[in-house]
Amino acid sequence: TTPAGCRLESLLIEHPNPDPLTHVFSTVQLKVPVRTSDRSRMTIVLE
């Protein structure tokens, strides 16, 4: 119901401690990449 034209190309989460996320994602079978990093951030890429 909202303006169209963009689509989600990728979503990436980076964090020094990704374990809580990977545990929950695995449990609910949510396919979102999580990477160990010295920073905490989410990267959203749209086309």
All heavy atoms as atom14 arrays in JSON, in Angstrom:
{
  "sequence": "TTPAGCRLESLLIEHPNPDPLTHVFSTVQLKVPVRTSDRSRMTIVLE",
  "atom14_mask": [
    [1, 1, 1, 1, 1, 1, 1, 0, 0, 0, 0, 0, 0, 0],
    [1, 1, 1, 1, 1, 1, 1, 0, 0, 0, 0, 0, 0, 0],
    [1, 1, 1, 1, 1, 1, 1, 0, 0, 0, 0, 0, 0, 0],
    [1, 1, 1, 1, 1, 0, 0, 0, 0, 0, 0, 0, 0, 0],
    [1, 1, 1, 1, 0, 0, 0, 0, 0, 0, 0, 0, 0, 0],
    [1, 1, 1, 1, 1, 1, 0, 0, 0, 0, 0, 0, 0, 0],
    [1, 1, 1, 1, 1, 1, 1, 1, 1, 1, 1, 0, 0, 0],
    [1, 1, 1, 1, 1, 1, 1, 1, 0, 0, 0, 0, 0, 0],
    [1, 1, 1, 1, 1, 1, 1, 1, 1, 0, 0, 0, 0, 0],
    [1, 1, 1, 1, 1, 1, 0, 0, 0, 0, 0, 0, 0, 0],
    [1, 1, 1, 1, 1, 1, 1, 1, 0, 0, 0, 0, 0, 0],
    [1, 1, 1, 1, 1, 1, 1, 1, 0, 0, 0, 0, 0, 0],
    [1, 1, 1, 1, 1, 1, 1, 1, 0, 0, 0, 0, 0, 0],
    [1, 1, 1, 1, 1, 1, 1, 1, 1, 0, 0, 0, 0, 0],
    [1, 1, 1, 1, 1, 1, 1, 1, 1, 1, 0, 0, 0, 0],
    [1, 1, 1, 1, 1, 1, 1, 0, 0, 0, 0, 0, 0, 0],
    [1, 1, 1, 1, 1, 1, 1, 1, 0, 0, 0, 0, 0, 0],
    [1, 1, 1, 1, 1, 1, 1, 0, 0, 0, 0, 0, 0, 0],
    [1, 1, 1, 1, 1, 1, 1, 1, 0, 0, 0, 0, 0, 0],
    [1, 1, 1, 1, 1, 1, 1, 0, 0, 0, 0, 0, 0, 0],
    [1, 1, 1, 1, 1, 1, 1, 1, 0, 0, 0, 0, 0, 0],
    [1, 1, 1, 1, 1, 1, 1, 0, 0, 0, 0, 0, 0, 0],
    [1, 1, 1, 1, 1, 1, 1, 1, 1, 1, 0, 0, 0, 0],
    [1, 1, 1, 1, 1, 1, 1, 0, 0, 0, 0, 0, 0, 0],
    [1, 1, 1, 1, 1, 1, 1, 1, 1, 1, 1, 0, 0, 0],
    [1, 1, 1, 1, 1, 1, 0, 0, 0, 0, 0, 0, 0, 0],
    [1, 1, 1, 1, 1, 1, 1, 0, 0, 0, 0, 0, 0, 0],
    [1, 1, 1, 1, 1, 1, 1, 0, 0, 0, 0, 0, 0, 0],
    [1, 1, 1, 1, 1, 1, 1, 1, 1, 0, 0, 0, 0, 0],
    [1, 1, 1, 1, 1, 1, 1, 1, 0, 0, 0, 0, 0, 0],
    [1, 1, 1, 1, 1, 1, 1, 1, 1, 0, 0, 0, 0, 0],
    [1, 1, 1, 1, 1, 1, 1, 0, 0, 0, 0, 0, 0, 0],
    [1, 1, 1, 1, 1, 1, 1, 0, 0, 0, 0, 0, 0, 0],
    [1, 1, 1, 1, 1, 1, 1, 0, 0, 0, 0, 0, 0, 0],
    [1, 1, 1, 1, 1, 1, 1, 1, 1, 1, 1, 0, 0, 0],
    [1, 1, 1, 1, 1, 1, 1, 0, 0, 0, 0, 0, 0, 0],
    [1, 1, 1, 1, 1, 1, 0, 0, 0, 0, 0, 0, 0, 0],
    [1, 1, 1, 1, 1, 1, 1, 1, 0, 0, 0, 0, 0, 0],
    [1, 1, 1, 1, 1, 1, 1, 1, 1, 1, 1, 0, 0, 0],
    [1, 1, 1, 1, 1, 1, 0, 0, 0, 0, 0, 0, 0, 0],
    [1, 1, 1, 1, 1, 1, 1, 1, 1, 1, 1, 0, 0, 0],
    [1, 1, 1, 1, 1, 1, 1, 1, 0, 0, 0, 0, 0, 0],
    [1, 1, 1, 1, 1, 1, 1, 0, 0, 0, 0, 0, 0, 0],
    [1, 1, 1, 1, 1, 1, 1, 1, 0, 0, 0, 0, 0, 0],
    [1, 1, 1, 1, 1, 1, 1, 0, 0, 0, 0, 0, 0, 0],
    [1, 1, 1, 1, 1, 1, 1, 1, 0, 0, 0, 0, 0, 0],
    [1, 1, 1, 1, 1, 1, 1, 1, 1, 0, 0, 0, 0, 0]
  ],
  "atom14_positions": [
    [[0.81, -1.23, 0.0], [0.0, 0.0, 0.0], [0.84, 1.27, 0.0], [0.28, 2.37, 0.1], [-0.93, 0.02, 1.23], [-0.13, 0.0, 2.43], [-1.87, -1.19, 1.24], [0.0, 0.0, 0.0], [0.0, 0.0, 0.0], [0.0, 0.0, 0.0], [0.0, 0.0, 0.0], [0.0, 0.0, 0.0], [0.0, 0.0, 0.0], [0.0, 0.0, 0.0]],
    [[2.14, 1.16, -0.12], [3.03, 2.33, -0.07], [3.83, 2.44, -1.36], [3.89, 1.49, -2.14], [3.97, 2.24, 1.16], [4.72, 1.02, 1.08], [3.17, 2.27, 2.45], [0.0, 0.0, 0.0], [0.0, 0.0, 0.0], [0.0, 0.0, 0.0], [0.0, 0.0, 0.0], [0.0, 0.0, 0.0], [0.0, 0.0, 0.0], [0.0, 0.0, 0.0]],
    [[4.44, 3.6, -1.62], [5.13, 3.82, -2.9], [6.2, 2.76, -3.19], [7.01, 2.42, -2.32], [5.76, 5.2, -2.71], [4.84, 5.89, -1.76], [4.41, 4.83, -0.8], [0.0, 0.0, 0.0], [0.0, 0.0, 0.0], [0.0, 0.0, 0.0], [0.0, 0.0, 0.0], [0.0, 0.0, 0.0], [0.0, 0.0, 0.0], [0.0, 0.0, 0.0]],
    [[6.18, 2.26, -4.41], [7.08, 1.19, -4.81], [8.22, 1.72, -5.67], [8.25, 2.89, -6.06], [6.3, 0.12, -5.58], [0.0, 0.0, 0.0], [0.0, 0.0, 0.0], [0.0, 0.0, 0.0], [0.0, 0.0, 0.0], [0.0, 0.0, 0.0], [0.0, 0.0, 0.0], [0.0, 0.0, 0.0], [0.0, 0.0, 0.0], [0.0, 0.0, 0.0]],
    [[9.14, 0.84, -6.01], [10.25, 1.19, -6.87], [11.57, 0.68, -6.36], [12.48, 0.4, -7.13], [0.0, 0.0, 0.0], [0.0, 0.0, 0.0], [0.0, 0.0, 0.0], [0.0, 0.0, 0.0], [0.0, 0.0, 0.0], [0.0, 0.0, 0.0], [0.0, 0.0, 0.0], [0.0, 0.0, 0.0], [0.0, 0.0, 0.0], [0.0, 0.0, 0.0]],
    [[11.71, 0.55, -5.04], [12.94, 0.01, -4.44], [12.73, -1.46, -4.07], [11.61, -1.89, -3.82], [13.33, 0.79, -3.2], [13.88, 2.49, -3.51], [0.0, 0.0, 0.0], [0.0, 0.0, 0.0], [0.0, 0.0, 0.0], [0.0, 0.0, 0.0], [0.0, 0.0, 0.0], [0.0, 0.0, 0.0], [0.0, 0.0, 0.0], [0.0, 0.0, 0.0]],
    [[13.82, -2.18, -4.0], [13.79, -3.54, -3.47], [15.03, -3.75, -2.61], [16.06, -3.09, -2.81], [13.73, -4.58, -4.58], [14.95, -4.64, -5.46], [14.84, -5.77, -6.48], [15.99, -5.82, -7.37], [17.14, -6.41, -7.08], [17.29, -7.01, -5.9], [18.14, -6.4, -7.94], [0.0, 0.0, 0.0], [0.0, 0.0, 0.0], [0.0, 0.0, 0.0]],
    [[14.91, -4.66, -1.66], [16.03, -4.95, -0.77], [17.04, -5.84, -1.48], [16.72, -6.96, -1.87], [15.51, -5.64, 0.5], [16.58, -6.04, 1.53], [17.32, -4.82, 2.05], [15.92, -6.81, 2.68], [0.0, 0.0, 0.0], [0.0, 0.0, 0.0], [0.0, 0.0, 0.0], [0.0, 0.0, 0.0], [0.0, 0.0, 0.0], [0.0, 0.0, 0.0]],
    [[18.24, -5.32, -1.66], [19.33, -6.09, -2.27], [20.03, -6.94, -1.22], [20.3, -8.12, -1.44], [20.33, -5.14, -2.94], [21.57, -5.83, -3.49], [21.28, -6.73, -4.68], [20.2, -6.57, -5.31], [22.11, -7.6, -4.97], [0.0, 0.0, 0.0], [0.0, 0.0, 0.0], [0.0, 0.0, 0.0], [0.0, 0.0, 0.0], [0.0, 0.0, 0.0]],
    [[20.33, -6.36, -0.05], [21.0, -7.14, 1.0], [20.84, -6.46, 2.35], [20.62, -5.25, 2.44], [22.49, -7.32, 0.68], [23.17, -6.08, 0.7], [0.0, 0.0, 0.0], [0.0, 0.0, 0.0], [0.0, 0.0, 0.0], [0.0, 0.0, 0.0], [0.0, 0.0, 0.0], [0.0, 0.0, 0.0], [0.0, 0.0, 0.0], [0.0, 0.0, 0.0]],
    [[20.97, -7.27, 3.38], [20.97, -6.8, 4.77], [22.08, -7.55, 5.48], [22.17, -8.77, 5.42], [19.62, -7.1, 5.43], [19.53, -6.8, 6.93], [19.61, -5.29, 7.17], [18.23, -7.35, 7.51], [0.0, 0.0, 0.0], [0.0, 0.0, 0.0], [0.0, 0.0, 0.0], [0.0, 0.0, 0.0], [0.0, 0.0, 0.0], [0.0, 0.0, 0.0]],
    [[22.95, -6.8, 6.16], [24.07, -7.41, 6.89], [24.16, -6.77, 8.27], [24.08, -5.55, 8.4], [25.38, -7.18, 6.14], [26.67, -7.6, 6.87], [26.73, -9.1, 7.07], [27.9, -7.11, 6.12], [0.0, 0.0, 0.0], [0.0, 0.0, 0.0], [0.0, 0.0, 0.0], [0.0, 0.0, 0.0], [0.0, 0.0, 0.0], [0.0, 0.0, 0.0]],
    [[24.35, -7.62, 9.28], [24.55, -7.14, 10.65], [25.96, -7.51, 11.08], [26.39, -8.67, 10.92], [23.53, -7.74, 11.62], [22.11, -7.32, 11.22], [23.82, -7.3, 13.05], [21.02, -8.0, 12.01], [0.0, 0.0, 0.0], [0.0, 0.0, 0.0], [0.0, 0.0, 0.0], [0.0, 0.0, 0.0], [0.0, 0.0, 0.0], [0.0, 0.0, 0.0]],
    [[26.68, -6.54, 11.62], [28.03, -6.76, 12.13], [28.06, -6.39, 13.61], [27.49, -5.39, 14.01], [29.04, -5.89, 11.37], [29.12, -6.21, 9.89], [29.99, -5.2, 9.15], [29.46, -4.14, 8.8], [31.19, -5.49, 8.94], [0.0, 0.0, 0.0], [0.0, 0.0, 0.0], [0.0, 0.0, 0.0], [0.0, 0.0, 0.0], [0.0, 0.0, 0.0]],
    [[28.78, -7.22, 14.4], [28.82, -6.97, 15.84], [29.96, -7.76, 16.46], [30.28, -8.87, 16.0], [27.49, -7.38, 16.49], [27.28, -6.81, 17.85], [27.73, -7.44, 18.99], [26.66, -5.67, 18.26], [27.4, -6.7, 20.05], [26.76, -5.63, 19.63], [0.0, 0.0, 0.0], [0.0, 0.0, 0.0], [0.0, 0.0, 0.0], [0.0, 0.0, 0.0]],
    [[30.6, -7.23, 17.54], [31.65, -7.99, 18.22], [31.15, -9.31, 18.83], [31.94, -10.25, 18.99], [32.12, -7.03, 19.31], [31.78, -5.67, 18.79], [30.48, -5.85, 18.04], [0.0, 0.0, 0.0], [0.0, 0.0, 0.0], [0.0, 0.0, 0.0], [0.0, 0.0, 0.0], [0.0, 0.0, 0.0], [0.0, 0.0, 0.0], [0.0, 0.0, 0.0]],
    [[29.87, -9.37, 19.19], [29.31, -10.59, 19.76], [28.04, -10.98, 18.98], [26.93, -10.61, 19.36], [28.97, -10.4, 21.24], [28.34, -11.64, 21.86], [28.54, -12.76, 21.36], [27.57, -11.46, 22.92], [0.0, 0.0, 0.0], [0.0, 0.0, 0.0], [0.0, 0.0, 0.0], [0.0, 0.0, 0.0], [0.0, 0.0, 0.0], [0.0, 0.0, 0.0]],
    [[28.17, -11.73, 17.91], [27.01, -12.09, 17.11], [26.22, -13.29, 17.64], [25.14, -13.59, 17.13], [27.63, -12.43, 15.75], [28.97, -13.0, 16.11], [29.42, -12.22, 17.32], [0.0, 0.0, 0.0], [0.0, 0.0, 0.0], [0.0, 0.0, 0.0], [0.0, 0.0, 0.0], [0.0, 0.0, 0.0], [0.0, 0.0, 0.0], [0.0, 0.0, 0.0]],
    [[26.76, -13.98, 18.65], [26.17, -15.26, 19.08], [24.69, -15.17, 19.46], [23.91, -16.05, 19.08], [26.96, -15.85, 20.24], [28.36, -16.29, 19.81], [28.61, -16.35, 18.59], [29.2, -16.57, 20.7], [0.0, 0.0, 0.0], [0.0, 0.0, 0.0], [0.0, 0.0, 0.0], [0.0, 0.0, 0.0], [0.0, 0.0, 0.0], [0.0, 0.0, 0.0]],
    [[24.24, -14.14, 20.23], [22.82, -14.08, 20.55], [21.93, -14.03, 19.31], [20.88, -14.66, 19.26], [22.7, -12.81, 21.39], [24.05, -12.63, 22.0], [25.0, -13.08, 20.93], [0.0, 0.0, 0.0], [0.0, 0.0, 0.0], [0.0, 0.0, 0.0], [0.0, 0.0, 0.0], [0.0, 0.0, 0.0], [0.0, 0.0, 0.0], [0.0, 0.0, 0.0]],
    [[22.39, -13.28, 18.3], [21.6, -13.19, 17.07], [21.58, -14.51, 16.32], [20.52, -14.97, 15.9], [22.16, -12.1, 16.16], [21.94, -10.65, 16.57], [22.51, -9.73, 15.5], [20.47, -10.35, 16.78], [0.0, 0.0, 0.0], [0.0, 0.0, 0.0], [0.0, 0.0, 0.0], [0.0, 0.0, 0.0], [0.0, 0.0, 0.0], [0.0, 0.0, 0.0]],
    [[22.74, -15.12, 16.15], [22.78, -16.36, 15.39], [21.98, -17.46, 16.07], [21.36, -18.29, 15.41], [24.23, -16.82, 15.17], [24.9, -16.94, 16.43], [24.99, -15.81, 14.32], [0.0, 0.0, 0.0], [0.0, 0.0, 0.0], [0.0, 0.0, 0.0], [0.0, 0.0, 0.0], [0.0, 0.0, 0.0], [0.0, 0.0, 0.0], [0.0, 0.0, 0.0]],
    [[21.94, -17.44, 17.4], [21.15, -18.44, 18.13], [19.66, -18.25, 17.85], [18.95, -19.22, 17.54], [21.43, -18.32, 19.62], [20.59, -19.23, 20.47], [20.51, -20.59, 20.24], [19.78, -18.98, 21.54], [19.69, -21.14, 21.13], [19.24, -20.18, 21.92], [0.0, 0.0, 0.0], [0.0, 0.0, 0.0], [0.0, 0.0, 0.0], [0.0, 0.0, 0.0]],
    [[19.19, -17.02, 17.95], [17.77, -16.76, 17.7], [17.42, -17.0, 16.23], [16.4, -17.63, 15.92], [17.39, -15.33, 18.13], [15.97, -14.98, 17.68], [17.52, -15.17, 19.64], [0.0, 0.0, 0.0], [0.0, 0.0, 0.0], [0.0, 0.0, 0.0], [0.0, 0.0, 0.0], [0.0, 0.0, 0.0], [0.0, 0.0, 0.0], [0.0, 0.0, 0.0]],
    [[18.27, -16.52, 15.32], [17.99, -16.7, 13.9], [17.92, -18.18, 13.54], [17.06, -18.61, 12.77], [19.06, -16.03, 13.05], [19.07, -14.52, 13.14], [20.02, -13.79, 12.45], [18.14, -13.84, 13.9], [20.03, -12.4, 12.53], [18.15, -12.46, 13.99], [19.1, -11.73, 13.29], [0.0, 0.0, 0.0], [0.0, 0.0, 0.0], [0.0, 0.0, 0.0]],
    [[18.85, -18.97, 14.09], [18.83, -20.41, 13.83], [17.56, -21.06, 14.37], [16.97, -21.92, 13.72], [20.06, -21.06, 14.45], [20.03, -22.46, 14.32], [0.0, 0.0, 0.0], [0.0, 0.0, 0.0], [0.0, 0.0, 0.0], [0.0, 0.0, 0.0], [0.0, 0.0, 0.0], [0.0, 0.0, 0.0], [0.0, 0.0, 0.0], [0.0, 0.0, 0.0]],
    [[17.13, -20.62, 15.55], [15.95, -21.2, 16.17], [14.7, -20.96, 15.35], [13.86, -21.85, 15.19], [15.77, -20.62, 17.59], [16.91, -20.96, 18.38], [14.5, -21.16, 18.24], [0.0, 0.0, 0.0], [0.0, 0.0, 0.0], [0.0, 0.0, 0.0], [0.0, 0.0, 0.0], [0.0, 0.0, 0.0], [0.0, 0.0, 0.0], [0.0, 0.0, 0.0]],
    [[14.55, -19.74, 14.82], [13.33, -19.42, 14.06], [13.54, -19.57, 12.55], [12.65, -19.29, 11.76], [12.83, -18.0, 14.39], [12.55, -17.86, 15.87], [13.82, -16.93, 13.92], [0.0, 0.0, 0.0], [0.0, 0.0, 0.0], [0.0, 0.0, 0.0], [0.0, 0.0, 0.0], [0.0, 0.0, 0.0], [0.0, 0.0, 0.0], [0.0, 0.0, 0.0]],
    [[14.74, -20.0, 12.15], [15.09, -20.21, 10.74], [14.94, -18.92, 9.93], [14.37, -18.9, 8.84], [14.24, -21.34, 10.14], [14.46, -22.67, 10.84], [13.61, -23.79, 10.28], [13.03, -23.67, 9.21], [13.52, -24.88, 11.03], [0.0, 0.0, 0.0], [0.0, 0.0, 0.0], [0.0, 0.0, 0.0], [0.0, 0.0, 0.0], [0.0, 0.0, 0.0]],
    [[15.5, -17.85, 10.48], [15.52, -16.55, 9.81], [16.87, -16.39, 9.1], [17.91, -16.45, 9.73], [15.32, -15.43, 10.83], [15.41, -13.99, 10.33], [14.39, -13.72, 9.23], [15.21, -13.02, 11.49], [0.0, 0.0, 0.0], [0.0, 0.0, 0.0], [0.0, 0.0, 0.0], [0.0, 0.0, 0.0], [0.0, 0.0, 0.0], [0.0, 0.0, 0.0]],
    [[16.82, -16.18, 7.79], [18.05, -16.16, 6.99], [18.53, -14.73, 6.81], [18.22, -14.08, 5.81], [17.8, -16.85, 5.66], [17.36, -18.3, 5.79], [17.21, -18.98, 4.46], [16.69, -20.4, 4.62], [17.53, -21.22, 5.48], [0.0, 0.0, 0.0], [0.0, 0.0, 0.0], [0.0, 0.0, 0.0], [0.0, 0.0, 0.0], [0.0, 0.0, 0.0]],
    [[19.28, -14.24, 7.79], [19.9, -12.92, 7.73], [21.36, -13.08, 8.12], [21.66, -13.63, 9.18], [19.2, -11.92, 8.68], [19.98, -10.61, 8.75], [17.78, -11.65, 8.22], [0.0, 0.0, 0.0], [0.0, 0.0, 0.0], [0.0, 0.0, 0.0], [0.0, 0.0, 0.0], [0.0, 0.0, 0.0], [0.0, 0.0, 0.0], [0.0, 0.0, 0.0]],
    [[22.29, -12.64, 7.28], [23.72, -12.82, 7.59], [24.18, -11.94, 8.75], [23.8, -10.77, 8.85], [24.43, -12.43, 6.29], [23.47, -11.56, 5.56], [22.1, -12.04, 5.94], [0.0, 0.0, 0.0], [0.0, 0.0, 0.0], [0.0, 0.0, 0.0], [0.0, 0.0, 0.0], [0.0, 0.0, 0.0], [0.0, 0.0, 0.0], [0.0, 0.0, 0.0]],
    [[24.99, -12.52, 9.62], [25.57, -11.83, 10.77], [27.07, -12.09, 10.74], [27.51, -13.23, 10.58], [24.98, -12.32, 12.1], [25.56, -11.53, 13.26], [23.47, -12.23, 12.09], [0.0, 0.0, 0.0], [0.0, 0.0, 0.0], [0.0, 0.0, 0.0], [0.0, 0.0, 0.0], [0.0, 0.0, 0.0], [0.0, 0.0, 0.0], [0.0, 0.0, 0.0]],
    [[27.87, -11.03, 10.92], [29.32, -11.15, 10.82], [29.99, -10.61, 12.08], [29.59, -9.58, 12.61], [29.81, -10.36, 9.6], [31.3, -10.4, 9.38], [31.67, -9.53, 8.18], [31.02, -9.99, 6.96], [30.97, -9.28, 5.84], [31.49, -8.05, 5.8], [30.37, -9.76, 4.77], [0.0, 0.0, 0.0], [0.0, 0.0, 0.0], [0.0, 0.0, 0.0]],
    [[30.99, -11.33, 12.56], [31.78, -10.84, 13.69], [32.64, -9.66, 13.23], [33.31, -9.73, 12.2], [32.69, -11.94, 14.24], [31.89, -13.06, 14.63], [33.47, -11.45, 15.44], [0.0, 0.0, 0.0], [0.0, 0.0, 0.0], [0.0, 0.0, 0.0], [0.0, 0.0, 0.0], [0.0, 0.0, 0.0], [0.0, 0.0, 0.0], [0.0, 0.0, 0.0]],
    [[32.59, -8.57, 14.01], [33.32, -7.37, 13.62], [33.64, -6.58, 14.88], [33.05, -6.79, 15.94], [32.46, -6.52, 12.67], [33.05, -5.27, 12.42], [0.0, 0.0, 0.0], [0.0, 0.0, 0.0], [0.0, 0.0, 0.0], [0.0, 0.0, 0.0], [0.0, 0.0, 0.0], [0.0, 0.0, 0.0], [0.0, 0.0, 0.0], [0.0, 0.0, 0.0]],
    [[34.59, -5.65, 14.76], [34.91, -4.8, 15.91], [33.94, -3.63, 16.03], [34.06, -2.81, 16.94], [36.35, -4.29, 15.82], [36.58, -3.46, 14.55], [35.65, -3.34, 13.73], [37.71, -2.95, 14.39], [0.0, 0.0, 0.0], [0.0, 0.0, 0.0], [0.0, 0.0, 0.0], [0.0, 0.0, 0.0], [0.0, 0.0, 0.0], [0.0, 0.0, 0.0]],
    [[32.97, -3.55, 15.12], [31.97, -2.48, 15.16], [30.57, -3.08, 15.23], [30.36, -4.26, 14.92], [32.08, -1.6, 13.92], [31.66, -2.29, 12.63], [31.96, -1.43, 11.42], [33.37, -1.44, 11.11], [33.92, -0.61, 10.22], [33.18, 0.3, 9.61], [35.21, -0.7, 9.96], [0.0, 0.0, 0.0], [0.0, 0.0, 0.0], [0.0, 0.0, 0.0]],
    [[29.62, -2.27, 15.68], [28.23, -2.68, 15.7], [27.46, -1.83, 14.69], [27.34, -0.62, 14.85], [27.64, -2.45, 17.11], [26.24, -2.67, 17.11], [0.0, 0.0, 0.0], [0.0, 0.0, 0.0], [0.0, 0.0, 0.0], [0.0, 0.0, 0.0], [0.0, 0.0, 0.0], [0.0, 0.0, 0.0], [0.0, 0.0, 0.0], [0.0, 0.0, 0.0]],
    [[26.97, -2.5, 13.65], [26.22, -1.74, 12.66], [25.37, -2.67, 11.79], [25.65, -3.87, 11.66], [27.13, -0.91, 11.78], [27.99, -1.69, 10.79], [28.82, -0.75, 9.94], [29.63, -1.47, 8.96], [30.47, -0.88, 8.13], [30.64, 0.43, 8.17], [31.17, -1.6, 7.26], [0.0, 0.0, 0.0], [0.0, 0.0, 0.0], [0.0, 0.0, 0.0]],
    [[24.34, -2.09, 11.21], [23.52, -2.75, 10.22], [23.74, -2.04, 8.89], [23.75, -0.81, 8.83], [22.03, -2.67, 10.61], [21.07, -3.14, 9.52], [19.33, -2.94, 10.01], [19.16, -4.33, 11.14], [0.0, 0.0, 0.0], [0.0, 0.0, 0.0], [0.0, 0.0, 0.0], [0.0, 0.0, 0.0], [0.0, 0.0, 0.0], [0.0, 0.0, 0.0]],
    [[23.92, -2.82, 7.83], [24.09, -2.26, 6.5], [22.92, -2.69, 5.63], [22.68, -3.9, 5.46], [25.41, -2.71, 5.86], [26.51, -2.3, 6.69], [25.58, -2.1, 4.47], [0.0, 0.0, 0.0], [0.0, 0.0, 0.0], [0.0, 0.0, 0.0], [0.0, 0.0, 0.0], [0.0, 0.0, 0.0], [0.0, 0.0, 0.0], [0.0, 0.0, 0.0]],
    [[22.2, -1.71, 5.09], [21.05, -1.94, 4.23], [21.4, -1.49, 2.82], [21.83, -0.35, 2.63], [19.82, -1.16, 4.73], [19.41, -1.61, 6.15], [18.64, -1.31, 3.77], [18.39, -0.69, 6.8], [0.0, 0.0, 0.0], [0.0, 0.0, 0.0], [0.0, 0.0, 0.0], [0.0, 0.0, 0.0], [0.0, 0.0, 0.0], [0.0, 0.0, 0.0]],
    [[21.24, -2.37, 1.85], [21.5, -2.02, 0.46], [20.21, -2.2, -0.33], [19.62, -3.29, -0.33], [22.62, -2.88, -0.15], [22.87, -2.48, -1.61], [23.9, -2.76, 0.67], [0.0, 0.0, 0.0], [0.0, 0.0, 0.0], [0.0, 0.0, 0.0], [0.0, 0.0, 0.0], [0.0, 0.0, 0.0], [0.0, 0.0, 0.0], [0.0, 0.0, 0.0]],
    [[19.78, -1.13, -1.0], [18.56, -1.15, -1.82], [18.92, -0.93, -3.28], [19.85, -0.2, -3.61], [17.59, -0.05, -1.37], [17.19, 0.01, 0.1], [16.17, 1.14, 0.3], [16.63, -1.32, 0.58], [0.0, 0.0, 0.0], [0.0, 0.0, 0.0], [0.0, 0.0, 0.0], [0.0, 0.0, 0.0], [0.0, 0.0, 0.0], [0.0, 0.0, 0.0]],
    [[18.14, -1.56, -4.16], [18.17, -1.25, -5.59], [16.95, -0.4, -5.88], [15.82, -0.82, -5.63], [18.17, -2.53, -6.42], [19.49, -3.27, -6.44], [20.57, -2.54, -7.24], [20.22, -1.59, -7.97], [21.75, -2.93, -7.13], [0.0, 0.0, 0.0], [0.0, 0.0, 0.0], [0.0, 0.0, 0.0], [0.0, 0.0, 0.0], [0.0, 0.0, 0.0]]
  ]
}
